[in-house]
Amino acid sequence: MQEPLEIPIRIVLTETSHPGNIGASARAMKTMGVSELVLVAPKEFPSAAATARAAGADDLLAAARTVTTLAEAISDCAYVVGASARLRSLQWPTTEPRTCAQRLWEHLPAGPVAVVFGPEHSGLTNDDLARCHELVHIPANPAYSSLNLAMAVQVICYELRMAHPGSLAAGTAAVDEDREAPLATADELEAFHVHLEQVMFRSGFLNPDQPRQLKLRLRRLFNRARLDQTEINILRGILAAVDPDKPAGGRR
């Protein structure tokens, strides 16, 4: 008998409006061996509807962590992928589920990784997008391209199972380069971006009336660099040194 595959990859559902979709997503996760579920500000949870749709995945619901913001859900993550049914006007690194699953496994040794799903009717916001290293887009019939939330979770979890290093179907995962320091977590990256935006505002470089496109482009640039903790410290040290509002005599 084949040993059960353990898939230590986090599934994050944000602002889910129908509790039944939470239960169905938990069932989709359990069928593939994924067990870590985090819920961001669900409209209704716990719920009898969620338990009914879980159909045997009650343990996942009982262990699910509920938080109020996406930042809390991914604060310790070294790599975050956002699931999106629509392509964005600002081009963001986007991949399909099979490649995405392989990348998630490749990044796992650096720290926790997560896949984030948006609300059923609106999907991820641009602020959510800004916290993701890349997007995963599930190709579908253009005339009816939006999958049910649980179906989208099922597709991603299936690909994660197929890409599992212990699976016969998995290819050879790329080996990450040796690093002097761990990859920066989502929390550390967010603190850097907040610091960067503050310095850009105070220096007059960032137009306060039209900040969003530039801020998103900068996030995309630094996400692509896959900064580690030492690099983040260097960059924040530079920001502190050049900050025009820095008190005379040294850093704040």
Protein backbone atom coordinates (compact mmCIF):
# COMPACT_ATOMS: atom_id res chain seq x y z
CA MET A 1 0.00 0.00 0.00
CA GLN A 2 1.33 3.42 -0.97
CA GLU A 3 2.25 5.72 1.93
CA PRO A 4 0.08 8.87 2.23
CA LEU A 5 1.70 11.96 0.73
CA GLU A 6 2.04 14.91 3.09
CA ILE A 7 1.82 18.29 1.37
CA PRO A 8 2.90 21.05 3.82
CA ILE A 9 1.69 23.92 1.66
CA ARG A 10 -0.74 26.51 3.01
CA ILE A 11 -4.07 27.25 1.36
CA VAL A 12 -5.43 30.71 2.19
CA LEU A 13 -9.06 31.65 1.46
CA THR A 14 -9.77 35.37 1.72
CA GLU A 15 -13.15 36.84 2.61
CA THR A 16 -15.11 33.76 1.51
CA SER A 17 -18.77 34.73 1.31
CA HIS A 18 -20.43 31.27 1.41
CA PRO A 19 -19.39 28.86 4.18
CA GLY A 20 -20.23 25.89 1.97
CA ASN A 21 -17.30 26.87 -0.26
CA ILE A 22 -14.99 26.66 2.75
CA GLY A 23 -16.17 23.12 3.49
CA ALA A 24 -15.90 22.06 -0.16
CA SER A 25 -12.40 23.52 -0.37
CA ALA A 26 -11.38 21.60 2.77
CA ARG A 27 -12.65 18.39 1.18
CA ALA A 28 -10.70 19.17 -2.02
CA MET A 29 -7.56 19.71 0.05
CA LYS A 30 -7.94 16.49 2.06
CA THR A 31 -8.40 14.32 -1.03
CA MET A 32 -4.94 15.46 -2.19
CA GLY A 33 -3.12 15.39 1.16
CA VAL A 34 -3.05 19.15 1.84
CA SER A 35 -4.01 20.00 5.42
CA GLU A 36 -3.10 23.61 6.32
CA LEU A 37 -6.06 25.95 5.83
CA VAL A 38 -6.10 29.63 6.79
CA LEU A 39 -9.24 31.76 6.49
CA VAL A 40 -9.03 35.52 6.15
CA ALA A 41 -12.14 37.33 7.44
CA PRO A 42 -14.71 34.73 6.31
CA LYS A 43 -18.27 36.01 6.24
CA GLU A 44 -19.51 33.02 8.28
CA PHE A 45 -17.36 30.46 10.07
CA PRO A 46 -17.71 28.07 11.87
CA SER A 47 -20.84 26.97 10.06
CA ALA A 48 -23.01 23.89 9.71
CA ALA A 49 -22.97 24.46 5.94
CA ALA A 50 -19.17 24.29 5.92
CA THR A 51 -19.19 21.07 7.94
CA ALA A 52 -21.79 19.48 5.66
CA ARG A 53 -19.84 20.28 2.51
CA ALA A 54 -16.54 19.12 4.05
CA ALA A 55 -17.80 15.52 3.88
CA GLY A 56 -15.16 13.92 6.09
CA ALA A 57 -12.67 16.80 6.18
CA ASP A 58 -14.01 18.05 9.51
CA ASP A 59 -10.51 17.81 10.99
CA LEU A 60 -9.24 20.39 8.51
CA LEU A 61 -12.04 22.76 9.47
CA ALA A 62 -11.36 22.22 13.18
CA ALA A 63 -7.67 22.99 12.67
CA ALA A 64 -8.24 25.93 10.32
CA ARG A 65 -6.77 29.22 11.50
CA THR A 66 -8.92 32.34 11.17
CA VAL A 67 -7.26 35.76 10.86
CA THR A 68 -8.48 39.25 10.01
CA THR A 69 -6.00 40.21 7.27
CA LEU A 70 -4.04 38.59 4.47
CA ALA A 71 -0.87 40.03 6.00
CA GLU A 72 -1.45 37.87 9.10
CA ALA A 73 -2.11 34.76 6.99
CA ILE A 74 1.19 34.95 5.11
CA SER A 75 3.43 36.85 7.54
CA ASP A 76 5.94 33.98 7.90
CA CYS A 77 5.89 32.89 4.25
CA ALA A 78 8.95 32.97 2.00
CA TYR A 79 6.90 32.54 -1.19
CA VAL A 80 3.28 33.43 -1.95
CA VAL A 81 1.22 32.71 -5.06
CA GLY A 82 -2.14 34.32 -5.75
CA ALA A 83 -4.80 32.46 -7.74
CA SER A 84 -6.54 34.70 -10.25
CA ALA A 85 -9.28 33.95 -12.77
CA ARG A 86 -8.53 37.15 -14.67
CA LEU A 87 -5.37 38.62 -16.11
CA ARG A 88 -4.42 42.09 -14.88
CA SER A 89 -3.83 45.38 -16.69
CA LEU A 90 -0.46 45.66 -14.96
CA GLN A 91 1.44 42.60 -16.09
CA TRP A 92 2.38 40.47 -13.08
CA PRO A 93 4.47 37.29 -13.17
CA THR A 94 1.88 34.64 -14.05
CA THR A 95 2.14 30.90 -14.46
CA GLU A 96 -0.10 27.90 -15.00
CA PRO A 97 -0.92 25.35 -12.26
CA ARG A 98 1.64 22.67 -13.15
CA THR A 99 4.61 25.00 -13.18
CA CYS A 100 3.27 26.80 -10.13
CA ALA A 101 3.14 23.57 -8.14
CA GLN A 102 6.76 22.78 -8.99
CA ARG A 103 7.87 26.25 -7.92
CA LEU A 104 6.03 25.97 -4.62
CA TRP A 105 7.86 22.74 -3.82
CA GLU A 106 11.18 24.30 -4.87
CA HIS A 107 10.67 27.24 -2.51
CA LEU A 108 9.49 25.16 0.45
CA PRO A 109 12.98 24.54 1.90
CA ALA A 110 13.36 28.33 2.33
CA GLY A 111 10.28 28.59 4.57
CA PRO A 112 6.49 28.30 4.52
CA VAL A 113 4.77 28.82 1.16
CA ALA A 114 1.13 29.63 0.43
CA VAL A 115 -1.47 29.80 -2.32
CA VAL A 116 -4.03 32.58 -1.85
CA PHE A 117 -7.57 32.51 -3.24
CA GLY A 118 -9.76 35.60 -3.36
CA PRO A 119 -13.50 36.08 -2.69
CA GLU A 120 -15.83 34.12 -4.96
CA HIS A 121 -17.32 37.06 -6.88
CA SER A 122 -14.47 39.55 -7.06
CA GLY A 123 -11.19 37.67 -6.72
CA LEU A 124 -7.99 39.13 -5.33
CA THR A 125 -7.72 42.89 -4.95
CA ASN A 126 -4.69 44.82 -6.20
CA ASP A 127 -3.56 45.15 -2.58
CA ASP A 128 -3.70 41.34 -2.27
CA LEU A 129 -1.83 41.01 -5.56
CA ALA A 130 0.93 43.27 -4.25
CA ARG A 131 1.67 40.72 -1.50
CA CYS A 132 2.12 37.83 -3.98
CA HIS A 133 5.35 36.89 -5.72
CA GLU A 134 3.38 35.69 -8.74
CA LEU A 135 -0.08 34.69 -9.91
CA VAL A 136 -1.37 31.32 -11.02
CA HIS A 137 -4.02 31.33 -13.71
CA ILE A 138 -6.03 28.18 -14.50
CA PRO A 139 -6.68 28.05 -18.26
CA ALA A 140 -10.34 27.45 -19.06
CA ASN A 141 -12.99 27.97 -21.72
CA PRO A 142 -12.89 31.74 -22.47
CA ALA A 143 -16.70 31.80 -22.74
CA TYR A 144 -17.04 30.50 -19.17
CA SER A 145 -13.65 30.87 -17.57
CA SER A 146 -14.39 31.35 -13.86
CA LEU A 147 -14.12 28.19 -11.74
CA ASN A 148 -15.98 27.64 -8.50
CA LEU A 149 -13.67 28.34 -5.55
CA ALA A 150 -13.49 24.71 -4.43
CA MET A 151 -12.83 23.57 -8.00
CA ALA A 152 -9.92 26.00 -8.27
CA VAL A 153 -8.54 24.73 -4.94
CA GLN A 154 -8.92 21.15 -6.22
CA VAL A 155 -6.93 21.87 -9.39
CA ILE A 156 -4.06 23.48 -7.48
CA CYS A 157 -3.98 20.75 -4.82
CA TYR A 158 -3.99 18.05 -7.50
CA GLU A 159 -0.98 19.64 -9.18
CA LEU A 160 0.77 19.95 -5.82
CA ARG A 161 0.23 16.23 -5.29
CA MET A 162 1.53 15.36 -8.74
CA ALA A 163 4.62 17.53 -8.17
CA HIS A 164 5.31 16.04 -4.70
CA PRO A 165 8.97 14.92 -4.59
CA GLY A 166 7.76 11.52 -3.36
CA SER A 167 5.28 11.10 -6.19
CA LEU A 168 6.13 8.87 -9.13
CA ALA A 169 4.72 11.59 -11.38
CA ALA A 170 7.05 14.30 -10.09
CA GLY A 171 9.94 15.46 -12.18
CA THR A 172 13.28 16.49 -10.82
CA ALA A 173 12.89 19.69 -8.84
CA ALA A 174 15.37 22.46 -9.44
CA VAL A 175 17.85 22.87 -6.64
CA ASP A 176 17.87 26.35 -5.17
CA GLU A 177 21.22 28.08 -5.08
CA ASP A 178 23.15 28.17 -1.83
CA ARG A 179 22.25 31.26 0.18
CA GLU A 180 24.09 33.02 2.95
CA ALA A 181 20.79 33.93 4.64
CA PRO A 182 17.17 32.70 4.56
CA LEU A 183 14.75 34.27 2.11
CA ALA A 184 12.90 37.26 3.53
CA THR A 185 9.45 36.50 4.87
CA ALA A 186 6.31 38.25 3.66
CA ASP A 187 6.34 40.33 6.86
CA GLU A 188 9.93 41.46 6.28
CA LEU A 189 9.21 42.29 2.63
CA GLU A 190 6.13 44.29 3.60
CA ALA A 191 8.08 46.28 6.20
CA PHE A 192 10.70 47.06 3.54
CA HIS A 193 8.05 48.23 1.05
CA VAL A 194 6.41 50.45 3.67
CA HIS A 195 9.83 51.94 4.49
CA LEU A 196 10.62 52.45 0.79
CA GLU A 197 7.29 54.17 0.12
CA GLN A 198 7.76 56.49 3.11
CA VAL A 199 11.19 57.58 1.89
CA MET A 200 9.93 58.06 -1.67
CA PHE A 201 7.06 60.24 -0.44
CA ARG A 202 9.30 62.33 1.83
CA SER A 203 11.90 62.82 -0.90
CA GLY A 204 9.28 63.94 -3.43
CA PHE A 205 10.06 61.06 -5.80
CA LEU A 206 6.63 59.47 -5.43
CA ASN A 207 3.63 61.52 -6.56
CA PRO A 208 1.03 61.19 -3.78
CA ASP A 209 -1.76 61.70 -6.33
CA GLN A 210 -0.72 58.79 -8.54
CA PRO A 211 1.25 56.31 -6.45
CA ARG A 212 -0.26 52.93 -7.27
CA GLN A 213 1.31 51.90 -10.59
CA LEU A 214 4.84 52.76 -9.49
CA LYS A 215 4.39 51.02 -6.14
CA LEU A 216 3.13 47.85 -7.83
CA ARG A 217 5.97 47.91 -10.38
CA LEU A 218 8.52 48.22 -7.57
CA ARG A 219 6.92 45.31 -5.71
CA ARG A 220 7.10 43.24 -8.87
CA LEU A 221 10.78 44.13 -9.29
CA PHE A 222 11.76 43.17 -5.74
CA ASN A 223 9.61 40.01 -5.79
CA ARG A 224 11.52 38.92 -8.88
CA ALA A 225 14.80 39.42 -7.00
CA ARG A 226 13.77 36.96 -4.23
CA LEU A 227 15.50 39.00 -1.54
CA ASP A 228 16.99 37.29 1.49
CA GLN A 229 17.09 38.70 5.01
CA THR A 230 20.62 40.11 4.67
CA GLU A 231 19.69 41.90 1.44
CA ILE A 232 16.58 43.37 3.08
CA ASN A 233 18.73 44.69 5.94
CA ILE A 234 21.17 46.26 3.46
CA LEU A 235 18.38 47.96 1.52
CA ARG A 236 16.71 49.26 4.67
CA GLY A 237 20.06 50.57 5.88
CA ILE A 238 20.44 52.50 2.61
CA LEU A 239 16.92 53.91 2.98
CA ALA A 240 17.66 55.01 6.53
CA ALA A 241 20.89 56.70 5.39
CA VAL A 242 19.30 58.67 2.51
CA ASP A 243 15.99 59.52 4.23
CA PRO A 244 15.58 63.32 3.88
CA ASP A 245 13.73 63.50 7.20
CA LYS A 246 16.40 61.59 9.13
CA PRO A 247 17.39 63.49 12.30
CA ALA A 248 20.86 64.99 12.20
CA GLY A 249 23.55 62.81 13.69
CA GLY A 250 22.54 59.35 12.51
CA ARG A 251 19.85 56.81 11.89
CA ARG A 252 16.45 56.81 13.51
